[in-house]
Amino acid sequence: MLDQLAAAGKISFGNANSLRVKLEAAKKQFERGHSTPAVDQLEAFINHLDALVGSGQVLGVDVAEIRAFVTRYPGSVVVRSRLVEKHLPL
């Protein structure tokens, strides 16, 4: 998804790479059974995404699918709930 947005010029390649690194770090932490640092990485991802949207560097509509993916990524109801509560108020 990030590569597609970058290729379409909707996000810079540098920002796409920075976001990808955060997702990869979260995945590695989950694979090691370290859920707290994994969630921290996902929160860093969301914070970065929010900053990009807030600064007008990307449109919220363009990254909505990625945001939804991140809230499902861990596969844990508790983790998703924490992310949704903190970053995706209704």
N, C-alpha and C. Protein backbone atom coordinates (compact mmCIF):
# COMPACT_ATOMS: atom_id res chain seq x y z
N MET A 1 0.81 -1.19 0.00
CA MET A 1 0.00 0.00 0.00
C MET A 1 0.86 1.26 0.00
N LEU A 2 1.87 1.28 0.83
CA LEU A 2 2.74 2.46 0.90
C LEU A 2 3.46 2.69 -0.42
N ASP A 3 3.93 1.62 -1.03
CA ASP A 3 4.61 1.76 -2.31
C ASP A 3 3.67 2.30 -3.38
N GLN A 4 2.43 1.86 -3.35
CA GLN A 4 1.45 2.34 -4.33
C GLN A 4 1.17 3.82 -4.14
N LEU A 5 1.06 4.25 -2.89
CA LEU A 5 0.83 5.68 -2.63
C LEU A 5 2.03 6.51 -3.08
N ALA A 6 3.23 5.99 -2.82
CA ALA A 6 4.44 6.72 -3.23
C ALA A 6 4.53 6.78 -4.75
N ALA A 7 4.25 5.68 -5.41
CA ALA A 7 4.31 5.64 -6.87
C ALA A 7 3.29 6.60 -7.49
N ALA A 8 2.17 6.79 -6.81
CA ALA A 8 1.12 7.68 -7.30
C ALA A 8 1.39 9.13 -6.91
N GLY A 9 2.49 9.36 -6.17
CA GLY A 9 2.83 10.73 -5.76
C GLY A 9 1.99 11.25 -4.61
N LYS A 10 1.33 10.36 -3.88
CA LYS A 10 0.47 10.78 -2.77
C LYS A 10 1.22 10.85 -1.44
N ILE A 11 2.41 10.28 -1.42
CA ILE A 11 3.28 10.33 -0.24
C ILE A 11 4.71 10.24 -0.77
N SER A 12 5.62 10.92 -0.10
CA SER A 12 7.00 10.86 -0.58
C SER A 12 7.57 9.47 -0.34
N PHE A 13 8.56 9.11 -1.16
CA PHE A 13 9.20 7.80 -0.98
C PHE A 13 9.88 7.72 0.38
N GLY A 14 10.44 8.83 0.85
CA GLY A 14 11.10 8.85 2.15
C GLY A 14 10.12 8.58 3.28
N ASN A 15 8.96 9.24 3.24
CA ASN A 15 7.95 9.00 4.28
C ASN A 15 7.39 7.59 4.18
N ALA A 16 7.19 7.10 2.97
CA ALA A 16 6.70 5.72 2.81
C ALA A 16 7.70 4.74 3.42
N ASN A 17 8.98 4.96 3.18
CA ASN A 17 10.00 4.09 3.73
C ASN A 17 10.02 4.16 5.26
N SER A 18 9.94 5.36 5.80
CA SER A 18 9.95 5.53 7.25
C SER A 18 8.76 4.81 7.89
N LEU A 19 7.59 4.91 7.27
CA LEU A 19 6.41 4.22 7.79
C LEU A 19 6.58 2.70 7.67
N ARG A 20 7.13 2.24 6.57
CA ARG A 20 7.35 0.80 6.35
C ARG A 20 8.29 0.23 7.42
N VAL A 21 9.33 0.97 7.73
CA VAL A 21 10.29 0.52 8.75
C VAL A 21 9.59 0.31 10.09
N LYS A 22 8.68 1.20 10.43
CA LYS A 22 7.94 1.06 11.69
C LYS A 22 7.06 -0.19 11.68
N LEU A 23 6.40 -0.45 10.54
CA LEU A 23 5.57 -1.66 10.45
C LEU A 23 6.42 -2.92 10.53
N GLU A 24 7.56 -2.91 9.87
CA GLU A 24 8.44 -4.08 9.91
C GLU A 24 8.97 -4.31 11.32
N ALA A 25 9.29 -3.24 12.02
CA ALA A 25 9.77 -3.37 13.40
C ALA A 25 8.67 -3.95 14.29
N ALA A 26 7.44 -3.50 14.10
CA ALA A 26 6.32 -4.03 14.88
C ALA A 26 6.14 -5.52 14.61
N LYS A 27 6.21 -5.89 13.34
CA LYS A 27 6.05 -7.30 12.98
C LYS A 27 7.11 -8.16 13.65
N LYS A 28 8.35 -7.71 13.63
CA LYS A 28 9.43 -8.47 14.27
C LYS A 28 9.20 -8.62 15.76
N GLN A 29 8.73 -7.55 16.40
CA GLN A 29 8.47 -7.61 17.84
C GLN A 29 7.35 -8.60 18.15
N PHE A 30 6.28 -8.57 17.33
CA PHE A 30 5.19 -9.54 17.53
C PHE A 30 5.69 -10.96 17.34
N GLU A 31 6.52 -11.17 16.33
CA GLU A 31 7.05 -12.52 16.07
C GLU A 31 7.89 -13.02 17.23
N ARG A 32 8.51 -12.13 17.95
CA ARG A 32 9.33 -12.50 19.12
C ARG A 32 8.49 -12.60 20.39
N GLY A 33 7.20 -12.31 20.28
CA GLY A 33 6.33 -12.37 21.45
C GLY A 33 6.38 -11.13 22.32
N HIS A 34 6.90 -10.05 21.79
CA HIS A 34 7.04 -8.80 22.54
C HIS A 34 5.93 -7.84 22.13
N SER A 35 4.76 -8.01 22.73
CA SER A 35 3.60 -7.23 22.29
C SER A 35 3.70 -5.75 22.66
N THR A 36 4.26 -5.42 23.81
CA THR A 36 4.32 -4.01 24.20
C THR A 36 5.19 -3.20 23.25
N PRO A 37 6.43 -3.61 22.95
CA PRO A 37 7.20 -2.83 21.98
C PRO A 37 6.58 -2.86 20.59
N ALA A 38 5.88 -3.94 20.26
CA ALA A 38 5.21 -4.00 18.95
C ALA A 38 4.12 -2.95 18.86
N VAL A 39 3.32 -2.84 19.90
CA VAL A 39 2.27 -1.82 19.93
C VAL A 39 2.88 -0.43 19.93
N ASP A 40 3.99 -0.27 20.62
CA ASP A 40 4.68 1.03 20.61
C ASP A 40 5.08 1.41 19.19
N GLN A 41 5.57 0.45 18.43
CA GLN A 41 5.95 0.71 17.04
C GLN A 41 4.72 1.07 16.20
N LEU A 42 3.61 0.38 16.43
CA LEU A 42 2.39 0.69 15.69
C LEU A 42 1.88 2.08 16.06
N GLU A 43 2.01 2.44 17.32
CA GLU A 43 1.61 3.79 17.73
C GLU A 43 2.51 4.83 17.10
N ALA A 44 3.80 4.53 16.99
CA ALA A 44 4.72 5.45 16.32
C ALA A 44 4.32 5.61 14.85
N PHE A 45 3.91 4.52 14.23
CA PHE A 45 3.44 4.55 12.85
C PHE A 45 2.23 5.49 12.73
N ILE A 46 1.25 5.29 13.62
CA ILE A 46 0.04 6.10 13.57
C ILE A 46 0.36 7.56 13.85
N ASN A 47 1.24 7.82 14.82
CA ASN A 47 1.63 9.20 15.12
C ASN A 47 2.28 9.85 13.90
N HIS A 48 3.13 9.12 13.21
CA HIS A 48 3.78 9.63 12.00
C HIS A 48 2.74 9.91 10.93
N LEU A 49 1.83 8.97 10.75
CA LEU A 49 0.77 9.14 9.77
C LEU A 49 -0.08 10.37 10.10
N ASP A 50 -0.43 10.53 11.37
CA ASP A 50 -1.21 11.69 11.79
C ASP A 50 -0.47 12.99 11.53
N ALA A 51 0.84 12.98 11.77
CA ALA A 51 1.64 14.18 11.53
C ALA A 51 1.66 14.53 10.04
N LEU A 52 1.75 13.52 9.20
CA LEU A 52 1.75 13.75 7.75
C LEU A 52 0.41 14.32 7.29
N VAL A 53 -0.66 13.77 7.83
CA VAL A 53 -1.99 14.28 7.49
C VAL A 53 -2.16 15.70 8.03
N GLY A 54 -1.78 15.90 9.28
CA GLY A 54 -1.91 17.21 9.91
C GLY A 54 -1.14 18.30 9.22
N SER A 55 -0.01 17.94 8.65
CA SER A 55 0.83 18.92 7.97
C SER A 55 0.44 19.09 6.50
N GLY A 56 -0.54 18.32 6.06
CA GLY A 56 -0.99 18.42 4.68
C GLY A 56 -0.11 17.69 3.68
N GLN A 57 0.81 16.88 4.16
CA GLN A 57 1.69 16.14 3.25
C GLN A 57 0.99 14.96 2.60
N VAL A 58 -0.05 14.45 3.27
CA VAL A 58 -0.89 13.40 2.69
C VAL A 58 -2.33 13.69 3.08
N LEU A 59 -3.26 13.16 2.32
CA LEU A 59 -4.68 13.31 2.63
C LEU A 59 -5.15 12.13 3.47
N GLY A 60 -5.98 12.42 4.45
CA GLY A 60 -6.51 11.37 5.30
C GLY A 60 -7.21 10.28 4.50
N VAL A 61 -7.92 10.68 3.47
CA VAL A 61 -8.63 9.71 2.64
C VAL A 61 -7.65 8.77 1.94
N ASP A 62 -6.46 9.26 1.61
CA ASP A 62 -5.47 8.43 0.92
C ASP A 62 -4.85 7.38 1.85
N VAL A 63 -4.85 7.64 3.14
CA VAL A 63 -4.21 6.71 4.07
C VAL A 63 -5.22 5.99 4.96
N ALA A 64 -6.50 6.18 4.71
CA ALA A 64 -7.54 5.54 5.54
C ALA A 64 -7.42 4.02 5.52
N GLU A 65 -7.14 3.45 4.36
CA GLU A 65 -7.02 2.00 4.26
C GLU A 65 -5.82 1.49 5.06
N ILE A 66 -4.73 2.23 5.03
CA ILE A 66 -3.55 1.83 5.81
C ILE A 66 -3.86 1.90 7.30
N ARG A 67 -4.55 2.95 7.70
CA ARG A 67 -4.91 3.10 9.11
C ARG A 67 -5.78 1.92 9.54
N ALA A 68 -6.75 1.55 8.73
CA ALA A 68 -7.61 0.41 9.06
C ALA A 68 -6.79 -0.87 9.15
N PHE A 69 -5.84 -1.04 8.22
CA PHE A 69 -4.97 -2.22 8.24
C PHE A 69 -4.18 -2.29 9.54
N VAL A 70 -3.63 -1.18 9.97
CA VAL A 70 -2.81 -1.16 11.18
C VAL A 70 -3.62 -1.55 12.40
N THR A 71 -4.87 -1.14 12.46
CA THR A 71 -5.68 -1.51 13.62
C THR A 71 -6.02 -2.99 13.63
N ARG A 72 -5.95 -3.65 12.46
CA ARG A 72 -6.18 -5.10 12.39
C ARG A 72 -4.88 -5.90 12.47
N TYR A 73 -3.78 -5.28 12.17
CA TYR A 73 -2.49 -5.93 12.00
C TYR A 73 -2.10 -6.90 13.12
N PRO A 74 -2.21 -6.49 14.38
CA PRO A 74 -1.74 -7.40 15.43
C PRO A 74 -2.54 -8.67 15.58
N GLY A 75 -3.81 -8.66 15.19
CA GLY A 75 -4.62 -9.86 15.38
C GLY A 75 -5.06 -10.05 16.81
N SER A 76 -4.95 -9.01 17.61
CA SER A 76 -5.32 -9.10 19.01
C SER A 76 -6.40 -8.07 19.32
N VAL A 77 -7.49 -8.52 19.90
CA VAL A 77 -8.58 -7.62 20.24
C VAL A 77 -8.11 -6.55 21.21
N VAL A 78 -7.30 -6.92 22.19
CA VAL A 78 -6.82 -5.97 23.18
C VAL A 78 -5.94 -4.90 22.52
N VAL A 79 -5.04 -5.32 21.67
CA VAL A 79 -4.15 -4.38 21.00
C VAL A 79 -4.95 -3.47 20.09
N ARG A 80 -5.84 -4.04 19.30
CA ARG A 80 -6.67 -3.22 18.40
C ARG A 80 -7.48 -2.22 19.21
N SER A 81 -8.05 -2.67 20.30
CA SER A 81 -8.86 -1.81 21.13
C SER A 81 -8.05 -0.62 21.64
N ARG A 82 -6.83 -0.90 22.09
CA ARG A 82 -5.95 0.17 22.59
C ARG A 82 -5.64 1.16 21.48
N LEU A 83 -5.32 0.67 20.30
CA LEU A 83 -5.00 1.55 19.18
C LEU A 83 -6.22 2.36 18.75
N VAL A 84 -7.36 1.71 18.67
CA VAL A 84 -8.56 2.40 18.24
C VAL A 84 -8.95 3.47 19.25
N GLU A 85 -8.95 3.14 20.53
CA GLU A 85 -9.29 4.11 21.56
C GLU A 85 -8.38 5.32 21.53
N LYS A 86 -7.10 5.08 21.36
CA LYS A 86 -6.12 6.16 21.45
C LYS A 86 -6.08 6.99 20.19
N HIS A 87 -6.26 6.38 19.03
CA HIS A 87 -5.99 7.08 17.77
C HIS A 87 -7.17 7.22 16.83
N LEU A 88 -8.23 6.48 17.06
CA LEU A 88 -9.34 6.53 16.11
C LEU A 88 -10.66 6.78 16.84
N PRO A 89 -10.78 7.92 17.50
CA PRO A 89 -12.03 8.16 18.23
C PRO A 89 -13.22 8.19 17.27
N LEU A 90 -14.35 7.70 17.75
CA LEU A 90 -15.56 7.67 16.91
C LEU A 90 -16.20 9.04 16.87
